Amino acid sequence: MAAKKSIPANKRVEFSATGRRKQSIARVRLVPNGNGIITINKKSIDEYFGLGTLKLIVNQPLELTNTAQKYDILVNVHGGGLSGQAGAIRQAIARALVKAEENLKEQIKKAGFLTRDARVKERKKPGLKKARKAPQYSKR
């Protein structure tokens, strides 16, 4: 009879996920039995995001599911600006929470945190100053 493979006791269980928004890509690792510490690119969330609104966006999935003090969150994010990065982190945290606890999926999906926001900057067209702004019209 073959022996069952078991997970070693010293192996750390983590739930990882990726989130995207505008030009930003965030990779998140959720570590169970944590203190609710969020580390973004080896900095605390307070150091990384100066604005309170961006911190609020990042914490939305955790507050919705009451899991803020349950996990430590390690984030690696690059590309885009701070607003896009906050949105990418929110999506990644939501996806990781669904992996960790399947029963939260309906609640998180209803709030819209699993949906990728497809809005990106429109490209500049030839003959225009920006995507839609035309040069000033002169009649004479």
N, C-alpha and C. Protein backbone atom coordinates (compact mmCIF):
# COMPACT_ATOMS: atom_id res chain seq x y z
N MET A 1 0.83 -1.18 0.00
CA MET A 1 0.00 0.00 0.00
C MET A 1 0.88 1.25 0.00
N ALA A 2 0.58 2.18 -0.89
CA ALA A 2 1.39 3.40 -1.01
C ALA A 2 1.09 4.36 0.15
N ALA A 3 2.13 5.01 0.62
CA ALA A 3 1.98 5.96 1.72
C ALA A 3 1.43 7.28 1.18
N LYS A 4 0.56 7.91 1.97
CA LYS A 4 0.00 9.21 1.57
C LYS A 4 1.04 10.29 1.77
N LYS A 5 1.08 11.21 0.82
CA LYS A 5 1.99 12.35 0.94
C LYS A 5 1.33 13.39 1.84
N SER A 6 2.06 13.85 2.82
CA SER A 6 1.52 14.88 3.71
C SER A 6 2.37 16.14 3.60
N ILE A 7 1.73 17.25 3.89
CA ILE A 7 2.42 18.54 3.84
C ILE A 7 3.25 18.67 5.11
N PRO A 8 4.53 19.01 4.99
CA PRO A 8 5.36 19.17 6.18
C PRO A 8 4.81 20.26 7.10
N ALA A 9 5.00 20.10 8.39
CA ALA A 9 4.47 21.05 9.37
C ALA A 9 5.12 22.42 9.26
N ASN A 10 6.38 22.46 8.81
CA ASN A 10 7.07 23.74 8.72
C ASN A 10 6.76 24.50 7.43
N LYS A 11 6.03 23.91 6.50
CA LYS A 11 5.70 24.57 5.24
C LYS A 11 4.63 25.64 5.49
N ARG A 12 4.88 26.85 4.95
CA ARG A 12 3.99 27.97 5.14
C ARG A 12 2.89 27.95 4.08
N VAL A 13 1.65 28.08 4.51
CA VAL A 13 0.53 28.12 3.57
C VAL A 13 0.28 29.59 3.20
N GLU A 14 0.22 29.86 1.90
CA GLU A 14 -0.04 31.20 1.41
C GLU A 14 -1.04 31.13 0.27
N PHE A 15 -1.81 32.18 0.11
CA PHE A 15 -2.74 32.29 -1.01
C PHE A 15 -2.29 33.47 -1.85
N SER A 16 -1.98 33.22 -3.12
CA SER A 16 -1.48 34.31 -3.97
C SER A 16 -2.45 34.58 -5.12
N ALA A 17 -2.43 35.82 -5.59
CA ALA A 17 -3.29 36.23 -6.70
C ALA A 17 -2.70 37.47 -7.37
N THR A 18 -3.18 37.73 -8.57
CA THR A 18 -2.73 38.88 -9.35
C THR A 18 -3.91 39.79 -9.64
N GLY A 19 -3.69 41.10 -9.57
CA GLY A 19 -4.72 42.08 -9.91
C GLY A 19 -4.17 43.09 -10.89
N ARG A 20 -5.05 43.63 -11.74
CA ARG A 20 -4.62 44.61 -12.74
C ARG A 20 -5.60 45.78 -12.79
N ARG A 21 -5.06 46.97 -13.06
CA ARG A 21 -5.87 48.17 -13.23
C ARG A 21 -5.04 49.18 -13.98
N LYS A 22 -5.57 49.74 -15.07
CA LYS A 22 -4.84 50.65 -15.94
C LYS A 22 -3.53 49.99 -16.36
N GLN A 23 -2.38 50.58 -16.02
CA GLN A 23 -1.08 50.00 -16.39
C GLN A 23 -0.42 49.26 -15.22
N SER A 24 -1.13 49.13 -14.11
CA SER A 24 -0.55 48.55 -12.90
C SER A 24 -0.83 47.06 -12.79
N ILE A 25 0.15 46.34 -12.26
CA ILE A 25 0.00 44.91 -11.99
C ILE A 25 0.44 44.67 -10.55
N ALA A 26 -0.44 44.02 -9.78
CA ALA A 26 -0.14 43.74 -8.37
C ALA A 26 -0.15 42.24 -8.13
N ARG A 27 0.88 41.76 -7.44
CA ARG A 27 0.93 40.36 -7.01
C ARG A 27 0.81 40.37 -5.49
N VAL A 28 -0.14 39.60 -4.98
CA VAL A 28 -0.45 39.61 -3.56
C VAL A 28 -0.30 38.21 -2.97
N ARG A 29 0.27 38.15 -1.75
CA ARG A 29 0.32 36.89 -0.99
C ARG A 29 -0.40 37.11 0.33
N LEU A 30 -1.40 36.28 0.61
CA LEU A 30 -2.13 36.33 1.86
C LEU A 30 -1.56 35.27 2.78
N VAL A 31 -1.08 35.66 3.95
CA VAL A 31 -0.51 34.73 4.92
C VAL A 31 -1.51 34.59 6.07
N PRO A 32 -2.09 33.39 6.26
CA PRO A 32 -3.07 33.21 7.34
C PRO A 32 -2.44 33.37 8.73
N ASN A 33 -3.30 33.53 9.73
CA ASN A 33 -2.90 33.69 11.13
C ASN A 33 -1.98 34.90 11.30
N GLY A 34 -2.32 35.99 10.63
CA GLY A 34 -1.50 37.20 10.72
C GLY A 34 -2.13 38.23 11.64
N ASN A 35 -1.58 39.44 11.58
CA ASN A 35 -2.04 40.53 12.43
C ASN A 35 -2.71 41.65 11.64
N GLY A 36 -2.90 41.46 10.33
CA GLY A 36 -3.51 42.49 9.51
C GLY A 36 -2.51 43.49 8.97
N ILE A 37 -1.23 43.12 8.94
CA ILE A 37 -0.18 44.02 8.44
C ILE A 37 -0.15 43.94 6.91
N ILE A 38 -0.20 45.11 6.26
CA ILE A 38 -0.13 45.16 4.80
C ILE A 38 1.21 45.78 4.42
N THR A 39 2.02 45.02 3.68
CA THR A 39 3.33 45.48 3.22
C THR A 39 3.31 45.60 1.71
N ILE A 40 3.59 46.80 1.19
CA ILE A 40 3.59 47.04 -0.25
C ILE A 40 5.00 47.41 -0.68
N ASN A 41 5.59 46.62 -1.55
CA ASN A 41 6.96 46.82 -2.02
C ASN A 41 7.93 47.08 -0.85
N LYS A 42 7.84 46.25 0.17
CA LYS A 42 8.69 46.29 1.37
C LYS A 42 8.52 47.56 2.20
N LYS A 43 7.39 48.26 2.03
CA LYS A 43 7.06 49.43 2.84
C LYS A 43 5.68 49.20 3.45
N SER A 44 5.42 49.85 4.56
CA SER A 44 4.08 49.75 5.16
C SER A 44 3.09 50.50 4.26
N ILE A 45 1.82 50.19 4.41
CA ILE A 45 0.79 50.84 3.58
C ILE A 45 0.77 52.35 3.83
N ASP A 46 1.07 52.77 5.08
CA ASP A 46 1.08 54.20 5.40
C ASP A 46 2.23 54.93 4.71
N GLU A 47 3.38 54.27 4.60
CA GLU A 47 4.52 54.86 3.90
C GLU A 47 4.28 54.92 2.40
N TYR A 48 3.68 53.86 1.83
CA TYR A 48 3.53 53.75 0.39
C TYR A 48 2.44 54.68 -0.14
N PHE A 49 1.25 54.65 0.49
CA PHE A 49 0.15 55.50 0.06
C PHE A 49 -0.02 56.65 1.04
N GLY A 50 0.20 57.87 0.57
CA GLY A 50 0.02 59.03 1.43
C GLY A 50 -1.44 59.37 1.64
N LEU A 51 -2.27 59.20 0.60
CA LEU A 51 -3.68 59.57 0.68
C LEU A 51 -4.50 58.50 1.40
N GLY A 52 -5.41 58.95 2.22
CA GLY A 52 -6.29 58.03 2.94
C GLY A 52 -7.24 57.29 2.02
N THR A 53 -7.64 57.95 0.92
CA THR A 53 -8.58 57.31 0.00
C THR A 53 -7.97 56.07 -0.66
N LEU A 54 -6.68 56.12 -0.95
CA LEU A 54 -6.02 54.97 -1.57
C LEU A 54 -5.91 53.81 -0.58
N LYS A 55 -5.65 54.13 0.69
CA LYS A 55 -5.61 53.09 1.74
C LYS A 55 -6.98 52.46 1.89
N LEU A 56 -8.03 53.31 1.81
CA LEU A 56 -9.40 52.83 1.91
C LEU A 56 -9.72 51.85 0.78
N ILE A 57 -9.29 52.19 -0.45
CA ILE A 57 -9.52 51.32 -1.61
C ILE A 57 -8.86 49.97 -1.40
N VAL A 58 -7.63 49.97 -0.92
CA VAL A 58 -6.89 48.72 -0.69
C VAL A 58 -7.59 47.86 0.37
N ASN A 59 -8.13 48.49 1.41
CA ASN A 59 -8.74 47.76 2.52
C ASN A 59 -10.19 47.34 2.27
N GLN A 60 -10.81 47.80 1.19
CA GLN A 60 -12.23 47.51 0.94
C GLN A 60 -12.59 46.03 1.00
N PRO A 61 -11.88 45.12 0.31
CA PRO A 61 -12.29 43.70 0.38
C PRO A 61 -12.15 43.12 1.79
N LEU A 62 -11.15 43.58 2.54
CA LEU A 62 -10.93 43.08 3.89
C LEU A 62 -12.03 43.55 4.84
N GLU A 63 -12.44 44.82 4.70
CA GLU A 63 -13.49 45.36 5.56
C GLU A 63 -14.84 44.74 5.22
N LEU A 64 -15.09 44.49 3.94
CA LEU A 64 -16.34 43.89 3.50
C LEU A 64 -16.53 42.50 4.10
N THR A 65 -15.44 41.74 4.16
CA THR A 65 -15.51 40.35 4.63
C THR A 65 -15.10 40.18 6.09
N ASN A 66 -14.79 41.28 6.77
CA ASN A 66 -14.35 41.24 8.18
C ASN A 66 -13.15 40.32 8.39
N THR A 67 -12.16 40.41 7.51
CA THR A 67 -10.96 39.58 7.61
C THR A 67 -9.70 40.43 7.75
N ALA A 68 -9.85 41.68 8.16
CA ALA A 68 -8.72 42.61 8.23
C ALA A 68 -7.62 42.13 9.17
N GLN A 69 -7.97 41.55 10.32
CA GLN A 69 -6.97 41.11 11.30
C GLN A 69 -6.61 39.63 11.16
N LYS A 70 -7.14 38.99 10.14
CA LYS A 70 -6.96 37.54 9.97
C LYS A 70 -5.71 37.18 9.16
N TYR A 71 -5.29 38.07 8.26
CA TYR A 71 -4.19 37.77 7.34
C TYR A 71 -3.14 38.88 7.36
N ASP A 72 -1.89 38.49 7.11
CA ASP A 72 -0.85 39.44 6.76
C ASP A 72 -0.80 39.47 5.24
N ILE A 73 -0.62 40.64 4.66
CA ILE A 73 -0.66 40.76 3.20
C ILE A 73 0.66 41.32 2.70
N LEU A 74 1.28 40.58 1.78
CA LEU A 74 2.53 41.01 1.15
C LEU A 74 2.21 41.33 -0.30
N VAL A 75 2.54 42.56 -0.72
CA VAL A 75 2.18 43.02 -2.06
C VAL A 75 3.43 43.42 -2.83
N ASN A 76 3.46 43.04 -4.10
CA ASN A 76 4.49 43.50 -5.01
C ASN A 76 3.74 44.14 -6.18
N VAL A 77 3.90 45.44 -6.37
CA VAL A 77 3.14 46.14 -7.41
C VAL A 77 4.08 47.01 -8.23
N HIS A 78 3.81 47.09 -9.54
CA HIS A 78 4.60 47.96 -10.40
C HIS A 78 3.73 48.47 -11.55
N GLY A 79 4.19 49.55 -12.19
CA GLY A 79 3.51 50.12 -13.33
C GLY A 79 2.42 51.09 -12.93
N GLY A 80 2.16 52.06 -13.81
CA GLY A 80 1.07 53.00 -13.59
C GLY A 80 1.32 53.96 -12.45
N GLY A 81 0.26 54.61 -12.01
CA GLY A 81 0.34 55.55 -10.90
C GLY A 81 -0.24 54.96 -9.63
N LEU A 82 -0.30 55.76 -8.59
CA LEU A 82 -0.76 55.26 -7.29
C LEU A 82 -2.22 54.82 -7.31
N SER A 83 -3.07 55.56 -8.03
CA SER A 83 -4.49 55.21 -8.09
C SER A 83 -4.70 53.86 -8.78
N GLY A 84 -4.02 53.65 -9.89
CA GLY A 84 -4.11 52.37 -10.59
C GLY A 84 -3.55 51.24 -9.76
N GLN A 85 -2.47 51.52 -9.04
CA GLN A 85 -1.87 50.50 -8.19
C GLN A 85 -2.81 50.10 -7.06
N ALA A 86 -3.49 51.07 -6.47
CA ALA A 86 -4.44 50.77 -5.40
C ALA A 86 -5.57 49.88 -5.92
N GLY A 87 -6.07 50.18 -7.12
CA GLY A 87 -7.13 49.36 -7.72
C GLY A 87 -6.65 47.95 -8.03
N ALA A 88 -5.41 47.83 -8.49
CA ALA A 88 -4.84 46.52 -8.80
C ALA A 88 -4.67 45.69 -7.53
N ILE A 89 -4.22 46.35 -6.45
CA ILE A 89 -4.04 45.66 -5.17
C ILE A 89 -5.39 45.19 -4.64
N ARG A 90 -6.42 46.04 -4.77
CA ARG A 90 -7.76 45.66 -4.31
C ARG A 90 -8.25 44.41 -5.01
N GLN A 91 -8.07 44.36 -6.33
CA GLN A 91 -8.52 43.19 -7.09
C GLN A 91 -7.73 41.94 -6.68
N ALA A 92 -6.43 42.08 -6.50
CA ALA A 92 -5.59 40.94 -6.14
C ALA A 92 -5.95 40.42 -4.75
N ILE A 93 -6.20 41.31 -3.79
CA ILE A 93 -6.59 40.89 -2.45
C ILE A 93 -7.93 40.15 -2.50
N ALA A 94 -8.86 40.68 -3.29
CA ALA A 94 -10.18 40.04 -3.42
C ALA A 94 -10.04 38.63 -3.99
N ARG A 95 -9.22 38.48 -5.02
CA ARG A 95 -9.01 37.16 -5.64
C ARG A 95 -8.36 36.18 -4.66
N ALA A 96 -7.39 36.68 -3.90
CA ALA A 96 -6.70 35.82 -2.92
C ALA A 96 -7.66 35.41 -1.80
N LEU A 97 -8.53 36.32 -1.38
CA LEU A 97 -9.52 35.99 -0.34
C LEU A 97 -10.46 34.89 -0.80
N VAL A 98 -10.84 34.93 -2.08
CA VAL A 98 -11.71 33.89 -2.63
C VAL A 98 -11.00 32.54 -2.63
N LYS A 99 -9.69 32.55 -2.94
CA LYS A 99 -8.91 31.31 -2.88
C LYS A 99 -8.83 30.78 -1.45
N ALA A 100 -8.67 31.70 -0.50
CA ALA A 100 -8.53 31.32 0.90
C ALA A 100 -9.85 30.81 1.48
N GLU A 101 -10.93 31.52 1.20
CA GLU A 101 -12.24 31.16 1.75
C GLU A 101 -13.27 31.24 0.63
N GLU A 102 -13.64 30.10 0.08
CA GLU A 102 -14.55 30.02 -1.07
C GLU A 102 -15.93 30.61 -0.76
N ASN A 103 -16.34 30.55 0.51
CA ASN A 103 -17.68 31.04 0.87
C ASN A 103 -17.80 32.57 0.76
N LEU A 104 -16.69 33.27 0.61
CA LEU A 104 -16.72 34.74 0.48
C LEU A 104 -16.93 35.21 -0.96
N LYS A 105 -16.88 34.28 -1.92
CA LYS A 105 -16.90 34.66 -3.34
C LYS A 105 -18.14 35.47 -3.71
N GLU A 106 -19.30 35.01 -3.28
CA GLU A 106 -20.54 35.69 -3.67
C GLU A 106 -20.57 37.12 -3.14
N GLN A 107 -20.15 37.30 -1.91
CA GLN A 107 -20.13 38.62 -1.27
C GLN A 107 -19.15 39.57 -1.98
N ILE A 108 -17.96 39.05 -2.30
CA ILE A 108 -16.93 39.87 -2.97
C ILE A 108 -17.33 40.19 -4.40
N LYS A 109 -17.90 39.21 -5.10
CA LYS A 109 -18.32 39.42 -6.49
C LYS A 109 -19.43 40.46 -6.57
N LYS A 110 -20.37 40.40 -5.61
CA LYS A 110 -21.49 41.34 -5.58
C LYS A 110 -20.99 42.78 -5.42
N ALA A 111 -19.92 42.96 -4.65
CA ALA A 111 -19.34 44.28 -4.44
C ALA A 111 -18.54 44.75 -5.66
N GLY A 112 -18.23 43.85 -6.60
CA GLY A 112 -17.55 44.22 -7.84
C GLY A 112 -16.04 44.24 -7.75
N PHE A 113 -15.46 43.59 -6.71
CA PHE A 113 -14.01 43.63 -6.54
C PHE A 113 -13.28 42.60 -7.38
N LEU A 114 -13.99 41.63 -7.97
CA LEU A 114 -13.34 40.60 -8.79
C LEU A 114 -13.28 41.01 -10.27
N THR A 115 -14.05 42.03 -10.63
CA THR A 115 -14.12 42.47 -12.03
C THR A 115 -12.96 43.40 -12.34
N ARG A 116 -12.27 43.12 -13.45
CA ARG A 116 -11.16 43.96 -13.87
C ARG A 116 -11.73 45.21 -14.52
N ASP A 117 -11.31 46.38 -14.04
CA ASP A 117 -11.76 47.65 -14.59
C ASP A 117 -11.03 47.86 -15.91
N ALA A 118 -11.75 47.75 -17.01
CA ALA A 118 -11.14 47.76 -18.34
C ALA A 118 -10.81 49.16 -18.86
N ARG A 119 -11.16 50.20 -18.11
CA ARG A 119 -10.92 51.56 -18.60
C ARG A 119 -9.43 51.87 -18.59
N VAL A 120 -8.91 52.21 -19.75
CA VAL A 120 -7.50 52.59 -19.89
C VAL A 120 -7.44 53.89 -20.68
N LYS A 121 -6.30 54.53 -20.69
CA LYS A 121 -6.14 55.80 -21.40
C LYS A 121 -6.30 55.57 -22.90
N GLU A 122 -7.08 56.45 -23.53
CA GLU A 122 -7.32 56.37 -24.97
C GLU A 122 -6.09 56.88 -25.72
N ARG A 123 -5.79 56.26 -26.85
CA ARG A 123 -4.59 56.65 -27.59
C ARG A 123 -4.78 57.99 -28.30
N LYS A 124 -3.65 58.68 -28.55
CA LYS A 124 -3.67 59.95 -29.25
C LYS A 124 -3.83 59.68 -30.74
N LYS A 125 -4.70 60.49 -31.40
CA LYS A 125 -4.91 60.33 -32.84
C LYS A 125 -4.14 61.40 -33.61
N PRO A 126 -3.73 61.07 -34.85
CA PRO A 126 -2.99 62.05 -35.65
C PRO A 126 -3.85 63.28 -35.97
N GLY A 127 -3.20 64.45 -35.96
CA GLY A 127 -3.90 65.69 -36.25
C GLY A 127 -4.56 66.31 -35.04
N LEU A 128 -4.60 65.58 -33.92
CA LEU A 128 -5.20 66.10 -32.69
C LEU A 128 -4.11 66.33 -31.66
N LYS A 129 -4.43 67.17 -30.66
CA LYS A 129 -3.45 67.46 -29.62
C LYS A 129 -3.38 66.33 -28.59
N LYS A 130 -4.57 65.78 -28.25
CA LYS A 130 -4.64 64.63 -27.35
C LYS A 130 -5.56 63.60 -28.01
N ALA A 131 -6.16 62.72 -27.25
CA ALA A 131 -7.01 61.69 -27.84
C ALA A 131 -8.19 62.29 -28.59
N ARG A 132 -8.80 63.34 -28.01
CA ARG A 132 -9.96 63.95 -28.65
C ARG A 132 -9.86 65.46 -28.83
N LYS A 133 -8.90 66.09 -28.17
CA LYS A 133 -8.79 67.55 -28.23
C LYS A 133 -8.19 67.98 -29.57
N ALA A 134 -8.96 68.75 -30.32
CA ALA A 134 -8.52 69.23 -31.64
C ALA A 134 -7.86 70.60 -31.48
N PRO A 135 -6.99 70.97 -32.43
CA PRO A 135 -6.41 72.31 -32.37
C PRO A 135 -7.52 73.36 -32.53
N GLN A 136 -7.26 74.53 -32.03
CA GLN A 136 -8.28 75.61 -32.09
C GLN A 136 -8.61 75.93 -33.54
N TYR A 137 -9.92 76.07 -33.81
CA TYR A 137 -10.38 76.34 -35.16
C TYR A 137 -10.30 77.85 -35.43
N SER A 138 -9.72 78.20 -36.59
CA SER A 138 -9.64 79.60 -36.99
C SER A 138 -10.37 79.77 -38.31
N LYS A 139 -11.36 80.65 -38.30
CA LYS A 139 -12.15 80.84 -39.51
C LYS A 139 -11.36 81.60 -40.57
N ARG A 140 -10.52 82.58 -40.17
CA ARG A 140 -9.73 83.35 -41.12
C ARG A 140 -8.27 83.28 -40.81
